[in-house]
Amino acid sequence: MTPDERVAAYVLERFRATGYTRLMDGYDVYQHVRDCPTTQAKVEEQGDGRCGEGTCEMFYIEAEMRCEHGATYDFTYREGGEIADLIAHLATMDQTA
C-alpha cells in the first residue's frame, strides 16, 4: 500500500465512523455514501494538510467520498494531537492489508 493509499484508507475509516445528524443539509446522500460498501476515498492533492509553523498539532485532510452508484460527499477530516499517533495507526494498516 502506498502512502497515499494508506491516507485514503484512513480517511475512509474515519468517515465511516462519523455520526452526523439528520438535521444537516444533504443527510440522505451522506448516509448513503457512508454506509455503501463500495465507497472509496479520493484524497485531494493539496499539500501535506498540516497547519501552523511546524509546531501545530492540528491537521486536516480533504477528500471526496464516492460510491459506485455515483453519489459523492465532500469530507474534511480534522485531527488534533500527536502526529505520531496517526503514523503509528497507518503503520498498523500496512500490516493488515
PDB file of N, CA and C in Angstrom:
ATOM      1  N   MET A   1       0.849  -1.177   0.000  1.00  0.00           N
ATOM      2  CA  MET A   1       0.000   0.000   0.000  1.00  0.00           C
ATOM      3  C   MET A   1       0.895   1.241   0.000  1.00  0.00           C
ATOM      4  N   THR A   2       0.643   2.147  -0.930  1.00  0.00           N
ATOM      5  CA  THR A   2       1.427   3.382  -0.994  1.00  0.00           C
ATOM      6  C   THR A   2       1.009   4.323   0.137  1.00  0.00           C
ATOM      7  N   PRO A   3       1.838   5.321   0.454  1.00  0.00           N
ATOM      8  CA  PRO A   3       1.427   6.294   1.485  1.00  0.00           C
ATOM      9  C   PRO A   3       0.093   6.964   1.163  1.00  0.00           C
ATOM     10  N   ASP A   4      -0.146   7.316  -0.106  1.00  0.00           N
ATOM     11  CA  ASP A   4      -1.414   7.937  -0.480  1.00  0.00           C
ATOM     12  C   ASP A   4      -2.589   6.982  -0.268  1.00  0.00           C
ATOM     13  N   GLU A   5      -2.394   5.728  -0.586  1.00  0.00           N
ATOM     14  CA  GLU A   5      -3.453   4.728  -0.376  1.00  0.00           C
ATOM     15  C   GLU A   5      -3.738   4.544   1.113  1.00  0.00           C
ATOM     16  N   ARG A   6      -2.700   4.576   1.933  1.00  0.00           N
ATOM     17  CA  ARG A   6      -2.899   4.459   3.382  1.00  0.00           C
ATOM     18  C   ARG A   6      -3.703   5.633   3.913  1.00  0.00           C
ATOM     19  N   VAL A   7      -3.370   6.843   3.452  1.00  0.00           N
ATOM     20  CA  VAL A   7      -4.098   8.032   3.907  1.00  0.00           C
ATOM     21  C   VAL A   7      -5.556   7.945   3.468  1.00  0.00           C
ATOM     22  N   ALA A   8      -5.808   7.551   2.232  1.00  0.00           N
ATOM     23  CA  ALA A   8      -7.181   7.426   1.743  1.00  0.00           C
ATOM     24  C   ALA A   8      -7.951   6.381   2.546  1.00  0.00           C
ATOM     25  N   ALA A   9      -7.329   5.252   2.849  1.00  0.00           N
ATOM     26  CA  ALA A   9      -7.984   4.207   3.637  1.00  0.00           C
ATOM     27  C   ALA A   9      -8.276   4.705   5.051  1.00  0.00           C
ATOM     28  N   TYR A  10      -7.349   5.447   5.624  1.00  0.00           N
ATOM     29  CA  TYR A  10      -7.541   6.005   6.971  1.00  0.00           C
ATOM     30  C   TYR A  10      -8.701   6.991   6.979  1.00  0.00           C
ATOM     31  N   VAL A  11      -8.746   7.890   5.995  1.00  0.00           N
ATOM     32  CA  VAL A  11      -9.821   8.884   5.936  1.00  0.00           C
ATOM     33  C   VAL A  11     -11.168   8.193   5.726  1.00  0.00           C
ATOM     34  N   LEU A  12     -11.214   7.161   4.894  1.00  0.00           N
ATOM     35  CA  LEU A  12     -12.456   6.416   4.693  1.00  0.00           C
ATOM     36  C   LEU A  12     -12.905   5.770   6.004  1.00  0.00           C
ATOM     37  N   GLU A  13     -11.968   5.211   6.738  1.00  0.00           N
ATOM     38  CA  GLU A  13     -12.280   4.607   8.034  1.00  0.00           C
ATOM     39  C   GLU A  13     -12.869   5.650   8.987  1.00  0.00           C
ATOM     40  N   ARG A  14     -12.253   6.835   9.025  1.00  0.00           N
ATOM     41  CA  ARG A  14     -12.739   7.911   9.902  1.00  0.00           C
ATOM     42  C   ARG A  14     -14.097   8.426   9.425  1.00  0.00           C
ATOM     43  N   PHE A  15     -14.314   8.499   8.109  1.00  0.00           N
ATOM     44  CA  PHE A  15     -15.595   8.931   7.568  1.00  0.00           C
ATOM     45  C   PHE A  15     -16.700   7.969   7.977  1.00  0.00           C
ATOM     46  N   ARG A  16     -16.452   6.683   7.863  1.00  0.00           N
ATOM     47  CA  ARG A  16     -17.463   5.686   8.240  1.00  0.00           C
ATOM     48  C   ARG A  16     -17.806   5.768   9.726  1.00  0.00           C
ATOM     49  N   ALA A  17     -16.893   6.300  10.523  1.00  0.00           N
ATOM     50  CA  ALA A  17     -17.128   6.411  11.968  1.00  0.00           C
ATOM     51  C   ALA A  17     -17.882   7.691  12.346  1.00  0.00           C
ATOM     52  N   THR A  18     -18.162   8.573  11.369  1.00  0.00           N
ATOM     53  CA  THR A  18     -18.875   9.815  11.683  1.00  0.00           C
ATOM     54  C   THR A  18     -20.329   9.514  11.994  1.00  0.00           C
ATOM     55  N   GLY A  19     -20.952  10.420  12.707  1.00  0.00           N
ATOM     56  CA  GLY A  19     -22.354  10.262  13.053  1.00  0.00           C
ATOM     57  C   GLY A  19     -23.091  11.582  12.963  1.00  0.00           C
ATOM     58  N   TYR A  20     -23.103  12.159  11.771  1.00  0.00           N
ATOM     59  CA  TYR A  20     -23.786  13.440  11.602  1.00  0.00           C
ATOM     60  C   TYR A  20     -25.285  13.265  11.826  1.00  0.00           C
ATOM     61  N   THR A  21     -25.948  14.347  12.139  1.00  0.00           N
ATOM     62  CA  THR A  21     -27.375  14.281  12.443  1.00  0.00           C
ATOM     63  C   THR A  21     -28.227  14.475  11.202  1.00  0.00           C
ATOM     64  N   ARG A  22     -29.465  14.068  11.310  1.00  0.00           N
ATOM     65  CA  ARG A  22     -30.427  14.198  10.217  1.00  0.00           C
ATOM     66  C   ARG A  22     -30.721  15.644   9.882  1.00  0.00           C
ATOM     67  N   LEU A  23     -30.371  16.575  10.751  1.00  0.00           N
ATOM     68  CA  LEU A  23     -30.690  17.979  10.542  1.00  0.00           C
ATOM     69  C   LEU A  23     -29.766  18.663   9.541  1.00  0.00           C
ATOM     70  N   MET A  24     -28.680  18.022   9.180  1.00  0.00           N
ATOM     71  CA  MET A  24     -27.741  18.667   8.256  1.00  0.00           C
ATOM     72  C   MET A  24     -28.237  18.584   6.815  1.00  0.00           C
ATOM     73  N   ASP A  25     -27.844  19.561   6.015  1.00  0.00           N
ATOM     74  CA  ASP A  25     -28.177  19.540   4.588  1.00  0.00           C
ATOM     75  C   ASP A  25     -27.491  18.345   3.929  1.00  0.00           C
ATOM     76  N   GLY A  26     -28.187  17.669   3.049  1.00  0.00           N
ATOM     77  CA  GLY A  26     -27.601  16.543   2.328  1.00  0.00           C
ATOM     78  C   GLY A  26     -27.431  15.286   3.155  1.00  0.00           C
ATOM     79  N   TYR A  27     -28.209  15.140   4.229  1.00  0.00           N
ATOM     80  CA  TYR A  27     -28.037  13.987   5.116  1.00  0.00           C
ATOM     81  C   TYR A  27     -28.230  12.661   4.382  1.00  0.00           C
ATOM     82  N   ASP A  28     -29.237  12.583   3.486  1.00  0.00           N
ATOM     83  CA  ASP A  28     -29.508  11.315   2.791  1.00  0.00           C
ATOM     84  C   ASP A  28     -28.325  10.871   1.941  1.00  0.00           C
ATOM     85  N   VAL A  29     -27.698  11.818   1.242  1.00  0.00           N
ATOM     86  CA  VAL A  29     -26.517  11.486   0.436  1.00  0.00           C
ATOM     87  C   VAL A  29     -25.377  11.060   1.351  1.00  0.00           C
ATOM     88  N   TYR A  30     -25.145  11.831   2.416  1.00  0.00           N
ATOM     89  CA  TYR A  30     -24.096  11.484   3.383  1.00  0.00           C
ATOM     90  C   TYR A  30     -24.292  10.067   3.897  1.00  0.00           C
ATOM     91  N   GLN A  31     -25.519   9.761   4.333  1.00  0.00           N
ATOM     92  CA  GLN A  31     -25.791   8.444   4.918  1.00  0.00           C
ATOM     93  C   GLN A  31     -25.566   7.332   3.898  1.00  0.00           C
ATOM     94  N   HIS A  32     -26.013   7.544   2.654  1.00  0.00           N
ATOM     95  CA  HIS A  32     -25.813   6.530   1.622  1.00  0.00           C
ATOM     96  C   HIS A  32     -24.320   6.291   1.386  1.00  0.00           C
ATOM     97  N   VAL A  33     -23.579   7.380   1.197  1.00  0.00           N
ATOM     98  CA  VAL A  33     -22.147   7.249   0.906  1.00  0.00           C
ATOM     99  C   VAL A  33     -21.411   6.624   2.090  1.00  0.00           C
ATOM    100  N   ARG A  34     -21.774   7.013   3.304  1.00  0.00           N
ATOM    101  CA  ARG A  34     -21.123   6.445   4.489  1.00  0.00           C
ATOM    102  C   ARG A  34     -21.376   4.948   4.603  1.00  0.00           C
ATOM    103  N   ASP A  35     -22.593   4.512   4.296  1.00  0.00           N
ATOM    104  CA  ASP A  35     -22.959   3.115   4.514  1.00  0.00           C
ATOM    105  C   ASP A  35     -22.723   2.201   3.320  1.00  0.00           C
ATOM    106  N   CYS A  36     -22.521   2.764   2.135  1.00  0.00           N
ATOM    107  CA  CYS A  36     -22.345   1.953   0.933  1.00  0.00           C
ATOM    108  C   CYS A  36     -21.018   1.196   0.994  1.00  0.00           C
ATOM    109  N   PRO A  37     -21.048  -0.112   0.768  1.00  0.00           N
ATOM    110  CA  PRO A  37     -19.802  -0.898   0.854  1.00  0.00           C
ATOM    111  C   PRO A  37     -18.798  -0.605  -0.258  1.00  0.00           C
ATOM    112  N   THR A  38     -19.225   0.062  -1.329  1.00  0.00           N
ATOM    113  CA  THR A  38     -18.300   0.340  -2.438  1.00  0.00           C
ATOM    114  C   THR A  38     -17.655   1.714  -2.348  1.00  0.00           C
ATOM    115  N   THR A  39     -17.934   2.462  -1.301  1.00  0.00           N
ATOM    116  CA  THR A  39     -17.399   3.815  -1.188  1.00  0.00           C
ATOM    117  C   THR A  39     -15.883   3.800  -1.111  1.00  0.00           C
ATOM    118  N   GLN A  40     -15.279   4.703  -1.883  1.00  0.00           N
ATOM    119  CA  GLN A  40     -13.836   4.905  -1.892  1.00  0.00           C
ATOM    120  C   GLN A  40     -13.555   6.360  -1.570  1.00  0.00           C
ATOM    121  N   ALA A  41     -12.398   6.627  -0.979  1.00  0.00           N
ATOM    122  CA  ALA A  41     -11.982   7.994  -0.676  1.00  0.00           C
ATOM    123  C   ALA A  41     -10.962   8.437  -1.714  1.00  0.00           C
ATOM    124  N   LYS A  42     -11.178   9.630  -2.251  1.00  0.00           N
ATOM    125  CA  LYS A  42     -10.188  10.243  -3.132  1.00  0.00           C
ATOM    126  C   LYS A  42      -9.655  11.452  -2.389  1.00  0.00           C
ATOM    127  N   VAL A  43      -8.413  11.379  -1.987  1.00  0.00           N
ATOM    128  CA  VAL A  43      -7.804  12.458  -1.223  1.00  0.00           C
ATOM    129  C   VAL A  43      -7.338  13.525  -2.187  1.00  0.00           C
ATOM    130  N   GLU A  44      -7.770  14.738  -1.935  1.00  0.00           N
ATOM    131  CA  GLU A  44      -7.393  15.859  -2.782  1.00  0.00           C
ATOM    132  C   GLU A  44      -5.909  16.151  -2.628  1.00  0.00           C
ATOM    133  N   GLU A  45      -5.262  16.515  -3.699  1.00  0.00           N
ATOM    134  CA  GLU A  45      -3.838  16.833  -3.665  1.00  0.00           C
ATOM    135  C   GLU A  45      -3.670  18.303  -3.303  1.00  0.00           C
ATOM    136  N   GLN A  46      -3.533  18.569  -2.005  1.00  0.00           N
ATOM    137  CA  GLN A  46      -3.436  19.942  -1.541  1.00  0.00           C
ATOM    138  C   GLN A  46      -2.292  20.110  -0.554  1.00  0.00           C
ATOM    139  N   GLY A  47      -1.190  19.477  -0.790  1.00  0.00           N
ATOM    140  CA  GLY A  47      -0.071  19.587   0.137  1.00  0.00           C
ATOM    141  C   GLY A  47      -0.214  18.594   1.268  1.00  0.00           C
ATOM    142  N   ASP A  48       0.481  18.857   2.350  1.00  0.00           N
ATOM    143  CA  ASP A  48       0.522  17.881   3.434  1.00  0.00           C
ATOM    144  C   ASP A  48      -0.612  18.031   4.433  1.00  0.00           C
ATOM    145  N   GLY A  49      -1.426  19.086   4.333  1.00  0.00           N
ATOM    146  CA  GLY A  49      -2.579  19.224   5.204  1.00  0.00           C
ATOM    147  C   GLY A  49      -2.277  19.712   6.597  1.00  0.00           C
ATOM    148  N   ARG A  50      -1.012  19.993   6.881  1.00  0.00           N
ATOM    149  CA  ARG A  50      -0.675  20.471   8.223  1.00  0.00           C
ATOM    150  C   ARG A  50      -0.878  21.965   8.310  1.00  0.00           C
ATOM    151  N   CYS A  51      -1.075  22.455   9.517  1.00  0.00           N
ATOM    152  CA  CYS A  51      -1.260  23.890   9.681  1.00  0.00           C
ATOM    153  C   CYS A  51      -0.160  24.446  10.587  1.00  0.00           C
ATOM    154  N   GLY A  52      -0.087  25.741  10.665  1.00  0.00           N
ATOM    155  CA  GLY A  52       0.836  26.379  11.585  1.00  0.00           C
ATOM    156  C   GLY A  52       2.240  26.499  11.029  1.00  0.00           C
ATOM    157  N   GLU A  53       3.182  26.658  11.933  1.00  0.00           N
ATOM    158  CA  GLU A  53       4.573  26.917  11.554  1.00  0.00           C
ATOM    159  C   GLU A  53       5.492  25.796  12.011  1.00  0.00           C
ATOM    160  N   GLY A  54       5.062  24.574  11.834  1.00  0.00           N
ATOM    161  CA  GLY A  54       5.904  23.438  12.180  1.00  0.00           C
ATOM    162  C   GLY A  54       5.672  22.874  13.571  1.00  0.00           C
ATOM    163  N   THR A  55       4.944  23.597  14.415  1.00  0.00           N
ATOM    164  CA  THR A  55       4.698  23.094  15.759  1.00  0.00           C
ATOM    165  C   THR A  55       3.229  22.780  15.983  1.00  0.00           C
ATOM    166  N   CYS A  56       2.378  23.107  15.021  1.00  0.00           N
ATOM    167  CA  CYS A  56       0.945  22.891  15.149  1.00  0.00           C
ATOM    168  C   CYS A  56       0.646  21.394  15.152  1.00  0.00           C
ATOM    169  N   GLU A  57      -0.241  20.976  16.007  1.00  0.00           N
ATOM    170  CA  GLU A  57      -0.615  19.572  16.066  1.00  0.00           C
ATOM    171  C   GLU A  57      -2.051  19.367  15.599  1.00  0.00           C
ATOM    172  N   MET A  58      -2.518  20.218  14.741  1.00  0.00           N
ATOM    173  CA  MET A  58      -3.830  20.059  14.122  1.00  0.00           C
ATOM    174  C   MET A  58      -3.593  19.939  12.626  1.00  0.00           C
ATOM    175  N   PHE A  59      -4.256  18.990  12.004  1.00  0.00           N
ATOM    176  CA  PHE A  59      -4.132  18.889  10.558  1.00  0.00           C
ATOM    177  C   PHE A  59      -5.474  18.498   9.979  1.00  0.00           C
ATOM    178  N   TYR A  60      -5.603  18.646   8.697  1.00  0.00           N
ATOM    179  CA  TYR A  60      -6.838  18.293   8.024  1.00  0.00           C
ATOM    180  C   TYR A  60      -6.517  17.586   6.714  1.00  0.00           C
ATOM    181  N   ILE A  61      -7.451  16.777   6.291  1.00  0.00           N
ATOM    182  CA  ILE A  61      -7.348  16.093   5.009  1.00  0.00           C
ATOM    183  C   ILE A  61      -8.696  16.253   4.324  1.00  0.00           C
ATOM    184  N   GLU A  62      -8.688  16.823   3.126  1.00  0.00           N
ATOM    185  CA  GLU A  62      -9.915  16.958   2.360  1.00  0.00           C
ATOM    186  C   GLU A  62     -10.013  15.788   1.391  1.00  0.00           C
ATOM    187  N   ALA A  63     -11.188  15.168   1.351  1.00  0.00           N
ATOM    188  CA  ALA A  63     -11.370  14.004   0.485  1.00  0.00           C
ATOM    189  C   ALA A  63     -12.770  14.010  -0.104  1.00  0.00           C
ATOM    190  N   GLU A  64     -12.875  13.383  -1.253  1.00  0.00           N
ATOM    191  CA  GLU A  64     -14.184  13.154  -1.850  1.00  0.00           C
ATOM    192  C   GLU A  64     -14.514  11.683  -1.664  1.00  0.00           C
ATOM    193  N   MET A  65     -15.658  11.411  -1.053  1.00  0.00           N
ATOM    194  CA  MET A  65     -16.132  10.048  -0.884  1.00  0.00           C
ATOM    195  C   MET A  65     -17.074   9.757  -2.042  1.00  0.00           C
ATOM    196  N   ARG A  66     -16.846   8.646  -2.725  1.00  0.00           N
ATOM    197  CA  ARG A  66     -17.646   8.324  -3.910  1.00  0.00           C
ATOM    198  C   ARG A  66     -17.969   6.836  -3.899  1.00  0.00           C
ATOM    199  N   CYS A  67     -19.236   6.512  -4.181  1.00  0.00           N
ATOM    200  CA  CYS A  67     -19.622   5.104  -4.287  1.00  0.00           C
ATOM    201  C   CYS A  67     -19.938   4.774  -5.740  1.00  0.00           C
ATOM    202  N   GLU A  68     -20.092   3.495  -6.034  1.00  0.00           N
ATOM    203  CA  GLU A  68     -20.315   3.070  -7.418  1.00  0.00           C
ATOM    204  C   GLU A  68     -21.673   3.504  -7.964  1.00  0.00           C
ATOM    205  N   HIS A  69     -22.552   3.980  -7.093  1.00  0.00           N
ATOM    206  CA  HIS A  69     -23.870   4.441  -7.523  1.00  0.00           C
ATOM    207  C   HIS A  69     -23.827   5.888  -8.014  1.00  0.00           C
ATOM    208  N   GLY A  70     -22.649   6.523  -7.952  1.00  0.00           N
ATOM    209  CA  GLY A  70     -22.491   7.891  -8.421  1.00  0.00           C
ATOM    210  C   GLY A  70     -22.673   8.952  -7.354  1.00  0.00           C
ATOM    211  N   ALA A  71     -23.024   8.550  -6.148  1.00  0.00           N
ATOM    212  CA  ALA A  71     -23.192   9.517  -5.061  1.00  0.00           C
ATOM    213  C   ALA A  71     -21.822   9.950  -4.548  1.00  0.00           C
ATOM    214  N   THR A  72     -21.686  11.235  -4.257  1.00  0.00           N
ATOM    215  CA  THR A  72     -20.431  11.752  -3.716  1.00  0.00           C
ATOM    216  C   THR A  72     -20.711  12.616  -2.495  1.00  0.00           C
ATOM    217  N   TYR A  73     -19.709  12.679  -1.624  1.00  0.00           N
ATOM    218  CA  TYR A  73     -19.809  13.516  -0.438  1.00  0.00           C
ATOM    219  C   TYR A  73     -18.422  14.076  -0.147  1.00  0.00           C
ATOM    220  N   ASP A  74     -18.319  15.404  -0.020  1.00  0.00           N
ATOM    221  CA  ASP A  74     -17.046  16.028   0.326  1.00  0.00           C
ATOM    222  C   ASP A  74     -16.863  15.968   1.832  1.00  0.00           C
ATOM    223  N   PHE A  75     -15.739  15.444   2.262  1.00  0.00           N
ATOM    224  CA  PHE A  75     -15.464  15.220   3.688  1.00  0.00           C
ATOM    225  C   PHE A  75     -14.129  15.853   4.036  1.00  0.00           C
ATOM    226  N   THR A  76     -14.125  16.625   5.101  1.00  0.00           N
ATOM    227  CA  THR A  76     -12.873  17.166   5.621  1.00  0.00           C
ATOM    228  C   THR A  76     -12.630  16.523   6.975  1.00  0.00           C
ATOM    229  N   TYR A  77     -11.558  15.756   7.043  1.00  0.00           N
ATOM    230  CA  TYR A  77     -11.190  15.109   8.303  1.00  0.00           C
ATOM    231  C   TYR A  77     -10.206  16.003   9.032  1.00  0.00           C
ATOM    232  N   ARG A  78     -10.503  16.289  10.276  1.00  0.00           N
ATOM    233  CA  ARG A  78      -9.617  17.104  11.111  1.00  0.00           C
ATOM    234  C   ARG A  78      -9.219  16.285  12.329  1.00  0.00           C
ATOM    235  N   GLU A  79      -7.964  16.425  12.696  1.00  0.00           N
ATOM    236  CA  GLU A  79      -7.491  15.711  13.885  1.00  0.00           C
ATOM    237  C   GLU A  79      -6.477  16.566  14.604  1.00  0.00           C
ATOM    238  N   GLY A  80      -6.601  16.604  15.900  1.00  0.00           N
ATOM    239  CA  GLY A  80      -5.615  17.269  16.731  1.00  0.00           C
ATOM    240  C   GLY A  80      -4.876  16.217  17.538  1.00  0.00           C
ATOM    241  N   GLY A  81      -3.761  16.576  18.063  1.00  0.00           N
ATOM    242  CA  GLY A  81      -2.997  15.632  18.863  1.00  0.00           C
ATOM    243  C   GLY A  81      -1.681  15.287  18.214  1.00  0.00           C
ATOM    244  N   GLU A  82      -1.096  14.246  18.699  1.00  0.00           N
ATOM    245  CA  GLU A  82       0.225  13.852  18.240  1.00  0.00           C
ATOM    246  C   GLU A  82       0.177  13.246  16.840  1.00  0.00           C
ATOM    247  N   ILE A  83       0.941  13.799  15.952  1.00  0.00           N
ATOM    248  CA  ILE A  83       1.044  13.257  14.603  1.00  0.00           C
ATOM    249  C   ILE A  83       1.601  11.831  14.667  1.00  0.00           C
ATOM    250  N   ALA A  84       2.419  11.552  15.656  1.00  0.00           N
ATOM    251  CA  ALA A  84       2.989  10.210  15.805  1.00  0.00           C
ATOM    252  C   ALA A  84       1.901   9.156  15.963  1.00  0.00           C
ATOM    253  N   ASP A  85       0.771   9.515  16.593  1.00  0.00           N
ATOM    254  CA  ASP A  85      -0.329   8.559  16.748  1.00  0.00           C
ATOM    255  C   ASP A  85      -0.902   8.167  15.397  1.00  0.00           C
ATOM    256  N   LEU A  86      -1.042   9.131  14.501  1.00  0.00           N
ATOM    257  CA  LEU A  86      -1.548   8.849  13.163  1.00  0.00           C
ATOM    258  C   LEU A  86      -0.572   7.959  12.403  1.00  0.00           C
ATOM    259  N   ILE A  87       0.695   8.278  12.487  1.00  0.00           N
ATOM    260  CA  ILE A  87       1.715   7.492  11.780  1.00  0.00           C
ATOM    261  C   ILE A  87       1.709   6.051  12.277  1.00  0.00           C
ATOM    262  N   ALA A  88       1.585   5.861  13.577  1.00  0.00           N
ATOM    263  CA  ALA A  88       1.544   4.509  14.145  1.00  0.00           C
ATOM    264  C   ALA A  88       0.310   3.756  13.649  1.00  0.00           C
ATOM    265  N   HIS A  89      -0.824   4.443  13.579  1.00  0.00           N
ATOM    266  CA  HIS A  89      -2.045   3.794  13.098  1.00  0.00           C
ATOM    267  C   HIS A  89      -1.903   3.404  11.623  1.00  0.00           C
ATOM    268  N   LEU A  90      -1.349   4.295  10.812  1.00  0.00           N
ATOM    269  CA  LEU A  90      -1.152   3.971   9.408  1.00  0.00           C
ATOM    270  C   LEU A  90      -0.215   2.786   9.233  1.00  0.00           C
ATOM    271  N   ALA A  91       0.776   2.676  10.081  1.00  0.00           N
ATOM    272  CA  ALA A  91       1.706   1.546  10.010  1.00  0.00           C
ATOM    273  C   ALA A  91       0.988   0.231  10.297  1.00  0.00           C
ATOM    274  N   THR A  92       0.031   0.243  11.234  1.00  0.00           N
ATOM    275  CA  THR A  92      -0.717  -0.991  11.513  1.00  0.00           C
ATOM    276  C   THR A  92      -1.601  -1.378  10.344  1.00  0.00           C
ATOM    277  N   MET A  93      -2.057  -0.388   9.571  1.00  0.00           N
ATOM    278  CA  MET A  93      -2.866  -0.688   8.401  1.00  0.00           C
ATOM    279  C   MET A  93      -2.058  -1.451   7.366  1.00  0.00           C
ATOM    280  N   ASP A  94      -0.763  -1.151   7.256  1.00  0.00           N
ATOM    281  CA  ASP A  94       0.098  -1.875   6.338  1.00  0.00           C
ATOM    282  C   ASP A  94       0.179  -3.350   6.702  1.00  0.00           C
ATOM    283  N   GLN A  95       0.193  -3.621   7.991  1.00  0.00           N
ATOM    284  CA  GLN A  95       0.344  -4.992   8.442  1.00  0.00           C
ATOM    285  C   GLN A  95      -0.917  -5.812   8.229  1.00  0.00           C
ATOM    286  N   THR A  96      -2.092  -5.130   8.163  1.00  0.00           N
ATOM    287  CA  THR A  96      -3.346  -5.856   7.991  1.00  0.00           C
ATOM    288  C   THR A  96      -3.792  -5.922   6.536  1.00  0.00           C
ATOM    289  N   ALA A  97      -3.112  -5.158   5.670  1.00  0.00           N
ATOM    290  CA  ALA A  97      -3.519  -5.125   4.246  1.00  0.00           C
ATOM    291  C   ALA A  97      -2.915  -6.273   3.474  1.00  0.00           C
TER     292      ALA A  97
END
